[in-house]
């Protein structure tokens, strides 16, 4: 990707940074913060906890076929996944469990936030004193406006994806919740004007 992007017409610059630690996002979806479901309904829908397995994971062609089909149809059944990978349904189930335990596979949903009155998505890059990075990241993760928050490499060390109903609510959020975060020395905001492609395949 980093080799192709600089050769793409009209691309004048590229920067890339690594996510060191995700405070919120991935399996923790923003829909859980919106208050559309009560606590009992959320608990009934919550999948069983998956134990965390450490260590590197080597992906083979079968894994890539499995992940590609799940990216296209996250509700594909074990028989369909078995046909795509050439594995048995039992092997598919076992391998999916292993990938989930390593954190390489998680279940998520795509949500049209306009259904909830959310129309403004903004990216935040924050600089935090290293001694307060964990505290600030955990506090940011608890904000109802935050869909994703992570510690990153690069010129800033804390990143967040924020959704608000409009620009006035974004201003309120920046001047209240963000302003109250500990040891914030710099904030850069970038509103998302148009989404060309999301992480999952769109149909």
N, C-alpha and C. Protein backbone atom coordinates (compact mmCIF):
# COMPACT_ATOMS: atom_id res chain seq x y z
N UNK A 1 0.82 -1.20 0.00
CA UNK A 1 0.00 0.00 0.00
C UNK A 1 0.86 1.26 0.00
N UNK A 2 1.90 1.28 0.84
CA UNK A 2 2.77 2.45 0.92
C UNK A 2 3.59 2.62 -0.35
N UNK A 3 3.77 1.53 -1.11
CA UNK A 3 4.47 1.63 -2.39
C UNK A 3 3.54 2.14 -3.48
N UNK A 4 2.26 1.76 -3.43
CA UNK A 4 1.32 2.15 -4.47
C UNK A 4 0.82 3.59 -4.32
N UNK A 5 0.58 4.01 -3.07
CA UNK A 5 -0.03 5.33 -2.87
C UNK A 5 0.79 6.48 -3.45
N UNK A 6 2.12 6.53 -3.24
CA UNK A 6 2.87 7.66 -3.81
C UNK A 6 2.81 7.73 -5.34
N UNK A 7 2.53 6.59 -6.00
CA UNK A 7 2.45 6.58 -7.45
C UNK A 7 1.03 6.82 -7.96
N UNK A 8 0.08 7.00 -7.04
CA UNK A 8 -1.30 7.25 -7.43
C UNK A 8 -1.43 8.70 -7.90
N UNK A 9 -2.06 8.93 -9.07
CA UNK A 9 -2.19 10.30 -9.58
C UNK A 9 -2.83 11.24 -8.56
N UNK A 10 -2.27 12.42 -8.45
CA UNK A 10 -2.75 13.53 -7.62
C UNK A 10 -2.47 13.36 -6.13
N UNK A 11 -1.88 12.22 -5.72
CA UNK A 11 -1.48 12.08 -4.32
C UNK A 11 -0.15 12.80 -4.13
N UNK A 12 -0.11 13.81 -3.28
CA UNK A 12 1.08 14.64 -3.11
C UNK A 12 1.86 14.32 -1.85
N UNK A 13 1.26 13.58 -0.92
CA UNK A 13 1.97 13.23 0.30
C UNK A 13 1.27 12.11 1.04
N UNK A 14 2.04 11.32 1.77
CA UNK A 14 1.49 10.19 2.54
C UNK A 14 2.16 10.15 3.90
N UNK A 15 1.37 10.00 4.95
CA UNK A 15 1.91 9.72 6.28
C UNK A 15 1.20 8.48 6.83
N UNK A 16 1.90 7.68 7.58
CA UNK A 16 1.34 6.45 8.14
C UNK A 16 1.82 6.28 9.57
N UNK A 17 0.89 5.92 10.45
CA UNK A 17 1.23 5.73 11.86
C UNK A 17 0.60 4.43 12.36
N UNK A 18 1.15 3.89 13.41
CA UNK A 18 0.67 2.61 13.95
C UNK A 18 -0.22 2.84 15.17
N UNK A 19 -1.24 2.00 15.29
CA UNK A 19 -2.07 1.97 16.49
C UNK A 19 -1.34 1.13 17.53
N UNK A 20 -0.96 1.74 18.63
CA UNK A 20 -0.25 1.03 19.69
C UNK A 20 -1.21 0.32 20.63
N UNK A 21 -2.34 0.97 20.92
CA UNK A 21 -3.31 0.39 21.85
C UNK A 21 -4.67 1.03 21.60
N UNK A 22 -5.70 0.21 21.41
CA UNK A 22 -7.06 0.71 21.18
C UNK A 22 -7.79 0.80 22.52
N UNK A 23 -8.22 2.00 22.88
CA UNK A 23 -8.99 2.19 24.11
C UNK A 23 -10.47 1.87 23.89
N UNK A 24 -10.96 2.14 22.67
CA UNK A 24 -12.36 1.85 22.36
C UNK A 24 -12.48 1.70 20.86
N UNK A 25 -13.34 0.76 20.44
CA UNK A 25 -13.56 0.53 19.02
C UNK A 25 -13.43 -0.94 18.71
N UNK A 26 -13.55 -1.28 17.42
CA UNK A 26 -13.50 -2.69 17.06
C UNK A 26 -14.73 -3.40 17.58
N UNK A 27 -14.55 -4.40 18.47
CA UNK A 27 -15.72 -5.09 19.01
C UNK A 27 -16.64 -4.18 19.83
N UNK A 28 -16.09 -3.08 20.38
CA UNK A 28 -16.90 -2.13 21.16
C UNK A 28 -17.46 -1.08 20.20
N UNK A 29 -18.69 -1.29 19.75
CA UNK A 29 -19.26 -0.42 18.73
C UNK A 29 -19.98 0.75 19.36
N UNK A 30 -19.96 1.88 18.67
CA UNK A 30 -20.62 3.09 19.18
C UNK A 30 -22.11 2.90 19.41
N UNK A 31 -22.74 1.97 18.67
CA UNK A 31 -24.17 1.77 18.82
C UNK A 31 -24.53 1.40 20.26
N UNK A 32 -23.57 0.81 20.98
CA UNK A 32 -23.81 0.46 22.37
C UNK A 32 -23.90 1.67 23.29
N UNK A 33 -23.44 2.85 22.81
CA UNK A 33 -23.47 4.05 23.62
C UNK A 33 -24.69 4.93 23.36
N UNK A 34 -25.45 4.63 22.32
CA UNK A 34 -26.46 5.57 21.85
C UNK A 34 -27.77 5.52 22.63
N UNK A 35 -27.92 4.53 23.50
CA UNK A 35 -29.10 4.48 24.34
C UNK A 35 -30.34 3.94 23.66
N UNK A 36 -30.18 3.33 22.47
CA UNK A 36 -31.35 2.77 21.78
C UNK A 36 -31.82 1.48 22.42
N UNK A 37 -30.94 0.78 23.11
CA UNK A 37 -31.28 -0.47 23.79
C UNK A 37 -31.07 -0.29 25.29
N UNK A 38 -31.91 -0.95 26.07
CA UNK A 38 -31.70 -0.88 27.51
C UNK A 38 -30.63 -1.90 27.92
N UNK A 39 -30.22 -1.85 29.17
CA UNK A 39 -29.10 -2.68 29.64
C UNK A 39 -29.40 -4.16 29.48
N UNK A 40 -30.66 -4.57 29.71
CA UNK A 40 -31.02 -5.98 29.60
C UNK A 40 -30.90 -6.46 28.15
N UNK A 41 -31.37 -5.64 27.20
CA UNK A 41 -31.29 -6.02 25.79
C UNK A 41 -29.84 -6.11 25.33
N UNK A 42 -29.01 -5.17 25.78
CA UNK A 42 -27.59 -5.19 25.42
C UNK A 42 -26.94 -6.45 25.94
N UNK A 43 -27.26 -6.83 27.17
CA UNK A 43 -26.66 -8.02 27.77
C UNK A 43 -27.07 -9.29 27.03
N UNK A 44 -28.32 -9.36 26.58
CA UNK A 44 -28.77 -10.54 25.84
C UNK A 44 -28.06 -10.66 24.50
N UNK A 45 -27.72 -9.54 23.90
CA UNK A 45 -27.06 -9.55 22.59
C UNK A 45 -25.55 -9.66 22.69
N UNK A 46 -25.00 -9.48 23.88
CA UNK A 46 -23.54 -9.49 24.03
C UNK A 46 -23.00 -10.91 23.81
N UNK A 47 -22.03 -11.09 22.90
CA UNK A 47 -21.47 -12.43 22.69
C UNK A 47 -20.63 -12.86 23.89
N UNK A 48 -20.47 -14.16 24.09
CA UNK A 48 -19.63 -14.62 25.21
C UNK A 48 -18.22 -14.07 25.09
N UNK A 49 -17.57 -13.78 26.21
CA UNK A 49 -16.20 -13.26 26.14
C UNK A 49 -15.25 -14.26 25.51
N UNK A 50 -14.30 -13.74 24.76
CA UNK A 50 -13.31 -14.59 24.08
C UNK A 50 -11.98 -14.47 24.82
N UNK A 51 -11.37 -15.59 25.23
CA UNK A 51 -10.07 -15.49 25.91
C UNK A 51 -9.02 -14.93 24.98
N UNK A 52 -8.09 -14.18 25.55
CA UNK A 52 -7.03 -13.56 24.75
C UNK A 52 -5.84 -14.50 24.64
N UNK A 53 -5.40 -14.73 23.41
CA UNK A 53 -4.25 -15.61 23.16
C UNK A 53 -3.10 -14.78 22.63
N UNK A 54 -1.95 -14.85 23.28
CA UNK A 54 -0.78 -14.07 22.86
C UNK A 54 0.03 -14.82 21.81
N UNK A 55 0.94 -14.09 21.19
CA UNK A 55 1.85 -14.70 20.23
C UNK A 55 1.50 -14.37 18.80
N UNK A 56 2.47 -14.54 17.89
CA UNK A 56 2.24 -14.22 16.47
C UNK A 56 1.31 -15.24 15.81
N UNK A 57 0.68 -14.81 14.73
CA UNK A 57 -0.22 -15.66 13.96
C UNK A 57 0.23 -15.65 12.50
N UNK A 58 0.35 -16.82 11.91
CA UNK A 58 0.71 -16.93 10.50
C UNK A 58 -0.55 -17.25 9.70
N UNK A 59 -0.88 -16.38 8.72
CA UNK A 59 -2.06 -16.58 7.89
C UNK A 59 -1.68 -17.31 6.62
N UNK A 60 -2.48 -18.30 6.25
CA UNK A 60 -2.26 -19.00 5.00
C UNK A 60 -3.35 -18.64 4.00
N UNK A 61 -3.34 -19.29 2.83
CA UNK A 61 -4.33 -18.96 1.79
C UNK A 61 -5.75 -19.22 2.26
N UNK A 62 -5.93 -20.29 3.06
CA UNK A 62 -7.27 -20.58 3.58
C UNK A 62 -7.78 -19.48 4.49
N UNK A 63 -6.88 -18.96 5.33
CA UNK A 63 -7.26 -17.84 6.21
C UNK A 63 -7.66 -16.62 5.40
N UNK A 64 -6.91 -16.34 4.34
CA UNK A 64 -7.21 -15.16 3.52
C UNK A 64 -8.56 -15.32 2.81
N UNK A 65 -8.85 -16.51 2.35
CA UNK A 65 -10.16 -16.77 1.73
C UNK A 65 -11.28 -16.62 2.75
N UNK A 66 -11.03 -17.12 3.95
CA UNK A 66 -12.01 -17.01 5.04
C UNK A 66 -12.30 -15.55 5.36
N UNK A 67 -11.25 -14.76 5.56
CA UNK A 67 -11.42 -13.36 5.92
C UNK A 67 -12.04 -12.56 4.78
N UNK A 68 -11.68 -12.90 3.54
CA UNK A 68 -12.25 -12.18 2.39
C UNK A 68 -13.75 -12.40 2.29
N UNK A 69 -14.20 -13.65 2.50
CA UNK A 69 -15.63 -13.93 2.42
C UNK A 69 -16.37 -13.28 3.58
N UNK A 70 -15.79 -13.29 4.77
CA UNK A 70 -16.44 -12.65 5.92
C UNK A 70 -16.51 -11.14 5.74
N UNK A 71 -15.51 -10.54 5.07
CA UNK A 71 -15.56 -9.11 4.79
C UNK A 71 -16.69 -8.78 3.83
N UNK A 72 -17.01 -9.72 2.93
CA UNK A 72 -18.09 -9.52 1.98
C UNK A 72 -19.45 -9.80 2.61
N UNK A 73 -19.52 -10.88 3.39
CA UNK A 73 -20.77 -11.28 4.04
C UNK A 73 -20.44 -11.79 5.44
N UNK A 74 -20.57 -10.91 6.41
CA UNK A 74 -20.24 -11.29 7.79
C UNK A 74 -21.18 -12.33 8.38
N UNK A 75 -22.29 -12.61 7.69
CA UNK A 75 -23.23 -13.62 8.19
C UNK A 75 -23.12 -14.94 7.46
N UNK A 76 -22.04 -15.12 6.69
CA UNK A 76 -21.83 -16.38 5.97
C UNK A 76 -21.76 -17.54 6.97
N UNK A 77 -22.43 -18.64 6.65
CA UNK A 77 -22.45 -19.79 7.53
C UNK A 77 -21.21 -20.65 7.39
N UNK A 78 -21.06 -21.60 8.32
CA UNK A 78 -19.88 -22.46 8.31
C UNK A 78 -19.79 -23.29 7.04
N UNK A 79 -20.91 -23.75 6.50
CA UNK A 79 -20.89 -24.54 5.27
C UNK A 79 -20.38 -23.69 4.10
N UNK A 80 -20.84 -22.45 4.02
CA UNK A 80 -20.40 -21.57 2.95
C UNK A 80 -18.92 -21.23 3.09
N UNK A 81 -18.47 -21.01 4.31
CA UNK A 81 -17.06 -20.72 4.56
C UNK A 81 -16.20 -21.94 4.27
N UNK A 82 -16.72 -23.12 4.58
CA UNK A 82 -15.98 -24.34 4.30
C UNK A 82 -15.80 -24.53 2.80
N UNK A 83 -16.84 -24.25 2.02
CA UNK A 83 -16.75 -24.38 0.57
C UNK A 83 -15.71 -23.41 -0.01
N UNK A 84 -15.63 -22.22 0.57
CA UNK A 84 -14.69 -21.21 0.06
C UNK A 84 -13.25 -21.54 0.41
N UNK A 85 -13.03 -22.15 1.58
CA UNK A 85 -11.66 -22.40 2.04
C UNK A 85 -11.16 -23.80 1.71
N UNK A 86 -12.09 -24.73 1.44
CA UNK A 86 -11.70 -26.12 1.25
C UNK A 86 -11.52 -26.87 2.55
N UNK A 87 -11.88 -26.23 3.67
CA UNK A 87 -11.81 -26.87 4.98
C UNK A 87 -13.15 -27.51 5.31
N UNK A 88 -13.16 -28.29 6.38
CA UNK A 88 -14.42 -28.81 6.90
C UNK A 88 -15.07 -27.73 7.76
N UNK A 89 -16.39 -27.79 7.97
CA UNK A 89 -17.04 -26.82 8.85
C UNK A 89 -16.43 -26.80 10.26
N UNK A 90 -16.00 -27.97 10.75
CA UNK A 90 -15.38 -28.02 12.07
C UNK A 90 -14.07 -27.25 12.10
N UNK A 91 -13.28 -27.38 11.02
CA UNK A 91 -12.02 -26.65 10.93
C UNK A 91 -12.27 -25.14 10.84
N UNK A 92 -13.29 -24.76 10.09
CA UNK A 92 -13.64 -23.34 9.98
C UNK A 92 -13.99 -22.78 11.35
N UNK A 93 -14.83 -23.49 12.09
CA UNK A 93 -15.23 -23.03 13.43
C UNK A 93 -14.01 -22.89 14.33
N UNK A 94 -13.13 -23.89 14.31
CA UNK A 94 -11.93 -23.85 15.17
C UNK A 94 -11.02 -22.69 14.78
N UNK A 95 -10.81 -22.51 13.47
CA UNK A 95 -9.90 -21.45 13.03
C UNK A 95 -10.47 -20.06 13.34
N UNK A 96 -11.78 -19.90 13.19
CA UNK A 96 -12.39 -18.61 13.53
C UNK A 96 -12.21 -18.31 15.01
N UNK A 97 -12.35 -19.33 15.86
CA UNK A 97 -12.14 -19.15 17.30
C UNK A 97 -10.71 -18.72 17.58
N UNK A 98 -9.74 -19.36 16.90
CA UNK A 98 -8.33 -19.00 17.10
C UNK A 98 -8.06 -17.56 16.67
N UNK A 99 -8.60 -17.16 15.52
CA UNK A 99 -8.38 -15.80 15.04
C UNK A 99 -9.03 -14.77 15.95
N UNK A 100 -10.19 -15.11 16.51
CA UNK A 100 -10.83 -14.19 17.46
C UNK A 100 -10.01 -14.09 18.74
N UNK A 101 -9.46 -15.19 19.21
CA UNK A 101 -8.66 -15.17 20.44
C UNK A 101 -7.39 -14.36 20.26
N UNK A 102 -6.85 -14.33 19.04
CA UNK A 102 -5.65 -13.53 18.76
C UNK A 102 -6.00 -12.08 18.44
N UNK A 103 -7.29 -11.76 18.36
CA UNK A 103 -7.69 -10.39 18.07
C UNK A 103 -7.64 -10.02 16.61
N UNK A 104 -7.48 -11.00 15.72
CA UNK A 104 -7.42 -10.72 14.29
C UNK A 104 -8.80 -10.74 13.63
N UNK A 105 -9.78 -11.27 14.32
CA UNK A 105 -11.15 -11.34 13.80
C UNK A 105 -12.10 -10.92 14.91
N UNK A 106 -13.00 -10.02 14.60
CA UNK A 106 -14.02 -9.64 15.57
C UNK A 106 -15.33 -9.37 14.85
N UNK A 107 -16.40 -9.44 15.57
CA UNK A 107 -17.73 -9.24 15.02
C UNK A 107 -18.14 -7.79 15.20
N UNK A 108 -18.66 -7.19 14.16
CA UNK A 108 -19.04 -5.79 14.21
C UNK A 108 -20.24 -5.58 13.30
N UNK A 109 -20.84 -4.41 13.37
CA UNK A 109 -21.97 -4.08 12.50
C UNK A 109 -21.73 -2.72 11.86
N UNK A 110 -22.23 -2.56 10.64
CA UNK A 110 -22.22 -1.25 9.99
C UNK A 110 -23.53 -0.55 10.31
N UNK A 111 -23.43 0.69 10.73
CA UNK A 111 -24.60 1.45 11.14
C UNK A 111 -24.66 2.75 10.34
N UNK A 112 -25.83 3.06 9.82
CA UNK A 112 -26.05 4.37 9.21
C UNK A 112 -26.41 5.32 10.34
N UNK A 113 -25.42 6.14 10.77
CA UNK A 113 -25.60 6.98 11.95
C UNK A 113 -26.69 8.02 11.77
N UNK A 114 -27.07 8.31 10.50
CA UNK A 114 -28.13 9.29 10.27
C UNK A 114 -29.45 8.82 10.88
N UNK A 115 -29.62 7.50 11.04
CA UNK A 115 -30.83 6.98 11.67
C UNK A 115 -30.93 7.44 13.13
N UNK A 116 -29.78 7.77 13.73
CA UNK A 116 -29.76 8.19 15.13
C UNK A 116 -29.55 9.70 15.24
N UNK A 117 -29.70 10.41 14.13
CA UNK A 117 -29.53 11.85 14.16
C UNK A 117 -28.10 12.32 14.21
N UNK A 118 -27.16 11.42 13.88
CA UNK A 118 -25.74 11.75 13.89
C UNK A 118 -25.30 12.06 12.47
N UNK A 119 -24.84 13.27 12.22
CA UNK A 119 -24.52 13.68 10.85
C UNK A 119 -23.09 14.20 10.68
N UNK A 120 -22.39 14.47 11.76
CA UNK A 120 -21.04 15.03 11.66
C UNK A 120 -20.02 14.08 12.27
N UNK A 121 -19.09 13.58 11.42
CA UNK A 121 -18.01 12.73 11.90
C UNK A 121 -16.71 13.50 11.77
N UNK A 122 -15.92 13.49 12.84
CA UNK A 122 -14.69 14.27 12.89
C UNK A 122 -13.56 13.41 13.44
N UNK A 123 -12.38 13.57 12.87
CA UNK A 123 -11.18 12.88 13.33
C UNK A 123 -10.39 13.83 14.23
N UNK A 124 -9.95 13.34 15.36
CA UNK A 124 -9.17 14.15 16.30
C UNK A 124 -7.79 13.54 16.48
N UNK A 125 -6.78 14.40 16.43
CA UNK A 125 -5.42 14.01 16.80
C UNK A 125 -5.02 14.86 17.99
N UNK A 126 -4.67 14.20 19.09
CA UNK A 126 -4.37 14.90 20.33
C UNK A 126 -2.95 14.58 20.80
N UNK A 127 -2.30 15.59 21.36
CA UNK A 127 -1.01 15.40 22.00
C UNK A 127 -1.22 15.42 23.51
N UNK A 128 -0.71 14.38 24.16
CA UNK A 128 -0.90 14.21 25.60
C UNK A 128 0.45 13.95 26.24
N UNK A 129 0.69 14.52 27.40
CA UNK A 129 1.91 14.20 28.15
C UNK A 129 1.96 12.69 28.37
N UNK A 130 3.08 12.02 28.06
CA UNK A 130 3.15 10.57 28.16
C UNK A 130 2.69 10.00 29.49
N UNK A 131 2.97 10.70 30.56
CA UNK A 131 2.57 10.19 31.88
C UNK A 131 1.06 10.14 32.05
N UNK A 132 0.32 10.87 31.21
CA UNK A 132 -1.13 10.92 31.33
C UNK A 132 -1.84 10.26 30.14
N UNK A 133 -1.08 9.59 29.26
CA UNK A 133 -1.68 9.02 28.05
C UNK A 133 -2.74 7.97 28.38
N UNK A 134 -2.44 7.07 29.29
CA UNK A 134 -3.41 6.03 29.66
C UNK A 134 -4.67 6.65 30.26
N UNK A 135 -4.50 7.58 31.17
CA UNK A 135 -5.64 8.23 31.82
C UNK A 135 -6.50 8.97 30.81
N UNK A 136 -5.86 9.72 29.91
CA UNK A 136 -6.61 10.48 28.91
C UNK A 136 -7.30 9.55 27.92
N UNK A 137 -6.62 8.47 27.52
CA UNK A 137 -7.21 7.53 26.57
C UNK A 137 -8.44 6.83 27.14
N UNK A 138 -8.35 6.42 28.39
CA UNK A 138 -9.49 5.76 29.03
C UNK A 138 -10.66 6.73 29.20
N UNK A 139 -10.36 7.97 29.55
CA UNK A 139 -11.42 8.97 29.69
C UNK A 139 -12.07 9.24 28.34
N UNK A 140 -11.27 9.35 27.29
CA UNK A 140 -11.79 9.59 25.94
C UNK A 140 -12.68 8.44 25.50
N UNK A 141 -12.29 7.22 25.82
CA UNK A 141 -13.07 6.04 25.44
C UNK A 141 -14.46 6.04 26.05
N UNK A 142 -14.61 6.69 27.20
CA UNK A 142 -15.91 6.73 27.86
C UNK A 142 -16.85 7.79 27.34
N UNK A 143 -16.37 8.69 26.50
CA UNK A 143 -17.24 9.74 25.96
C UNK A 143 -18.27 9.14 25.02
N UNK A 144 -19.53 9.50 25.15
CA UNK A 144 -20.56 8.94 24.26
C UNK A 144 -20.37 9.33 22.80
N UNK A 145 -19.62 10.37 22.52
CA UNK A 145 -19.40 10.80 21.14
C UNK A 145 -18.30 10.01 20.43
N UNK A 146 -17.51 9.25 21.16
CA UNK A 146 -16.31 8.60 20.60
C UNK A 146 -16.63 7.20 20.08
N UNK A 147 -16.36 7.01 18.76
CA UNK A 147 -16.56 5.70 18.13
C UNK A 147 -15.29 4.87 18.17
N UNK A 148 -14.14 5.53 18.19
CA UNK A 148 -12.86 4.82 18.23
C UNK A 148 -11.84 5.73 18.89
N UNK A 149 -11.00 5.15 19.74
CA UNK A 149 -9.94 5.91 20.40
C UNK A 149 -8.73 5.01 20.57
N UNK A 150 -7.54 5.54 20.27
CA UNK A 150 -6.34 4.70 20.34
C UNK A 150 -5.11 5.55 20.58
N UNK A 151 -4.11 4.93 21.23
CA UNK A 151 -2.77 5.51 21.33
C UNK A 151 -2.03 5.16 20.05
N UNK A 152 -1.33 6.12 19.47
CA UNK A 152 -0.67 5.91 18.18
C UNK A 152 0.76 6.41 18.20
N UNK A 153 1.51 5.98 17.18
CA UNK A 153 2.81 6.59 16.91
C UNK A 153 2.58 7.87 16.11
N UNK A 154 3.65 8.63 15.89
CA UNK A 154 3.52 9.82 15.06
C UNK A 154 3.68 11.10 15.85
N UNK A 155 3.45 12.25 15.22
CA UNK A 155 3.63 13.54 15.89
C UNK A 155 2.64 13.77 17.03
N UNK A 156 1.48 13.11 17.00
CA UNK A 156 0.54 13.12 18.12
C UNK A 156 0.45 11.69 18.66
N UNK A 157 -0.02 11.53 19.88
CA UNK A 157 -0.01 10.19 20.46
C UNK A 157 -1.39 9.66 20.85
N UNK A 158 -2.46 10.40 20.54
CA UNK A 158 -3.81 9.93 20.85
C UNK A 158 -4.73 10.32 19.70
N UNK A 159 -5.50 9.34 19.22
CA UNK A 159 -6.39 9.57 18.07
C UNK A 159 -7.80 9.17 18.46
N UNK A 160 -8.79 9.88 17.89
CA UNK A 160 -10.19 9.53 18.14
C UNK A 160 -11.03 9.83 16.91
N UNK A 161 -12.04 9.00 16.69
CA UNK A 161 -13.08 9.25 15.70
C UNK A 161 -14.34 9.62 16.47
N UNK A 162 -14.87 10.80 16.18
CA UNK A 162 -15.96 11.37 16.97
C UNK A 162 -17.18 11.59 16.07
N UNK A 163 -18.37 11.29 16.57
CA UNK A 163 -19.60 11.55 15.82
C UNK A 163 -20.51 12.44 16.66
N UNK A 164 -21.04 13.48 16.03
CA UNK A 164 -21.93 14.43 16.69
C UNK A 164 -23.11 14.72 15.78
N UNK A 165 -24.14 15.30 16.33
CA UNK A 165 -25.33 15.58 15.53
C UNK A 165 -25.08 16.70 14.52
N UNK A 166 -24.23 17.68 14.87
CA UNK A 166 -23.95 18.79 13.97
C UNK A 166 -22.69 19.50 14.46
N UNK A 167 -22.31 20.58 13.76
CA UNK A 167 -21.09 21.30 14.09
C UNK A 167 -21.19 22.00 15.45
N UNK A 168 -22.41 22.45 15.81
CA UNK A 168 -22.58 23.10 17.11
C UNK A 168 -22.31 22.11 18.25
N UNK A 169 -22.79 20.87 18.08
CA UNK A 169 -22.53 19.85 19.09
C UNK A 169 -21.06 19.47 19.14
N UNK A 170 -20.40 19.47 17.97
CA UNK A 170 -18.96 19.20 17.95
C UNK A 170 -18.22 20.30 18.72
N UNK A 171 -18.60 21.55 18.52
CA UNK A 171 -17.96 22.65 19.25
C UNK A 171 -18.17 22.47 20.76
N UNK A 172 -19.40 22.13 21.15
CA UNK A 172 -19.67 21.90 22.57
C UNK A 172 -18.80 20.78 23.11
N UNK A 173 -18.67 19.69 22.33
CA UNK A 173 -17.86 18.55 22.77
C UNK A 173 -16.39 18.95 22.95
N UNK A 174 -15.84 19.70 21.98
CA UNK A 174 -14.44 20.09 22.06
C UNK A 174 -14.16 21.02 23.23
N UNK A 175 -15.10 21.88 23.52
CA UNK A 175 -14.87 22.89 24.57
C UNK A 175 -15.28 22.43 25.96
N UNK A 176 -15.86 21.23 26.06
CA UNK A 176 -16.24 20.71 27.39
C UNK A 176 -15.50 19.41 27.69
N UNK A 177 -15.90 18.32 27.06
CA UNK A 177 -15.31 17.02 27.38
C UNK A 177 -13.83 16.95 27.00
N UNK A 178 -13.49 17.37 25.79
CA UNK A 178 -12.09 17.30 25.37
C UNK A 178 -11.25 18.28 26.19
N UNK A 179 -11.76 19.46 26.42
CA UNK A 179 -11.02 20.46 27.20
C UNK A 179 -10.74 19.98 28.62
N UNK A 180 -11.57 19.07 29.13
CA UNK A 180 -11.39 18.60 30.50
C UNK A 180 -10.42 17.42 30.61
N UNK A 181 -9.97 16.88 29.47
CA UNK A 181 -9.05 15.74 29.52
C UNK A 181 -7.72 16.17 30.14
N UNK A 182 -7.07 15.28 30.89
CA UNK A 182 -5.83 15.65 31.56
C UNK A 182 -4.65 15.78 30.60
N UNK A 183 -3.85 16.83 30.79
CA UNK A 183 -2.56 17.00 30.12
C UNK A 183 -2.63 17.06 28.60
N UNK A 184 -3.75 17.55 28.04
CA UNK A 184 -3.84 17.74 26.59
C UNK A 184 -3.10 19.03 26.22
N UNK A 185 -2.12 18.91 25.32
CA UNK A 185 -1.34 20.09 24.93
C UNK A 185 -1.68 20.58 23.53
N UNK A 186 -2.33 19.74 22.72
CA UNK A 186 -2.63 20.14 21.35
C UNK A 186 -3.76 19.27 20.82
N UNK A 187 -4.68 19.87 20.05
CA UNK A 187 -5.77 19.12 19.42
C UNK A 187 -5.89 19.59 17.97
N UNK A 188 -5.92 18.63 17.07
CA UNK A 188 -6.15 18.91 15.66
C UNK A 188 -7.43 18.22 15.23
N UNK A 189 -8.33 18.93 14.57
CA UNK A 189 -9.61 18.36 14.15
C UNK A 189 -9.68 18.32 12.63
N UNK A 190 -10.29 17.24 12.11
CA UNK A 190 -10.47 17.10 10.66
C UNK A 190 -11.86 16.54 10.40
N UNK A 191 -12.82 17.37 9.99
CA UNK A 191 -14.16 16.85 9.68
C UNK A 191 -14.14 15.98 8.44
N UNK A 192 -14.90 14.90 8.48
CA UNK A 192 -15.03 14.01 7.32
C UNK A 192 -16.11 14.59 6.42
N UNK A 193 -15.73 15.05 5.24
CA UNK A 193 -16.68 15.67 4.33
C UNK A 193 -17.46 14.62 3.56
N UNK A 194 -16.76 13.58 3.11
CA UNK A 194 -17.44 12.50 2.38
C UNK A 194 -16.66 11.21 2.58
N UNK A 195 -17.34 10.10 2.85
CA UNK A 195 -16.71 8.80 2.99
C UNK A 195 -16.71 8.10 1.64
N UNK A 196 -15.54 7.81 1.11
CA UNK A 196 -15.42 7.13 -0.18
C UNK A 196 -15.51 5.62 0.00
N UNK A 197 -14.84 5.08 1.03
CA UNK A 197 -14.88 3.65 1.30
C UNK A 197 -14.63 3.43 2.78
N UNK A 198 -15.38 2.49 3.36
CA UNK A 198 -15.19 2.11 4.75
C UNK A 198 -14.41 0.81 4.81
N UNK A 199 -14.12 0.38 6.05
CA UNK A 199 -13.30 -0.82 6.22
C UNK A 199 -13.97 -2.05 5.62
N UNK A 200 -15.28 -2.18 5.80
CA UNK A 200 -16.00 -3.33 5.26
C UNK A 200 -16.47 -3.07 3.84
N UNK A 201 -16.80 -4.14 3.13
CA UNK A 201 -17.35 -3.98 1.77
C UNK A 201 -18.77 -3.45 1.86
N UNK A 202 -19.11 -2.51 1.01
CA UNK A 202 -20.44 -1.91 1.01
C UNK A 202 -21.22 -2.45 -0.17
N UNK A 203 -22.48 -2.82 0.05
CA UNK A 203 -23.32 -3.33 -1.02
C UNK A 203 -24.58 -2.49 -1.10
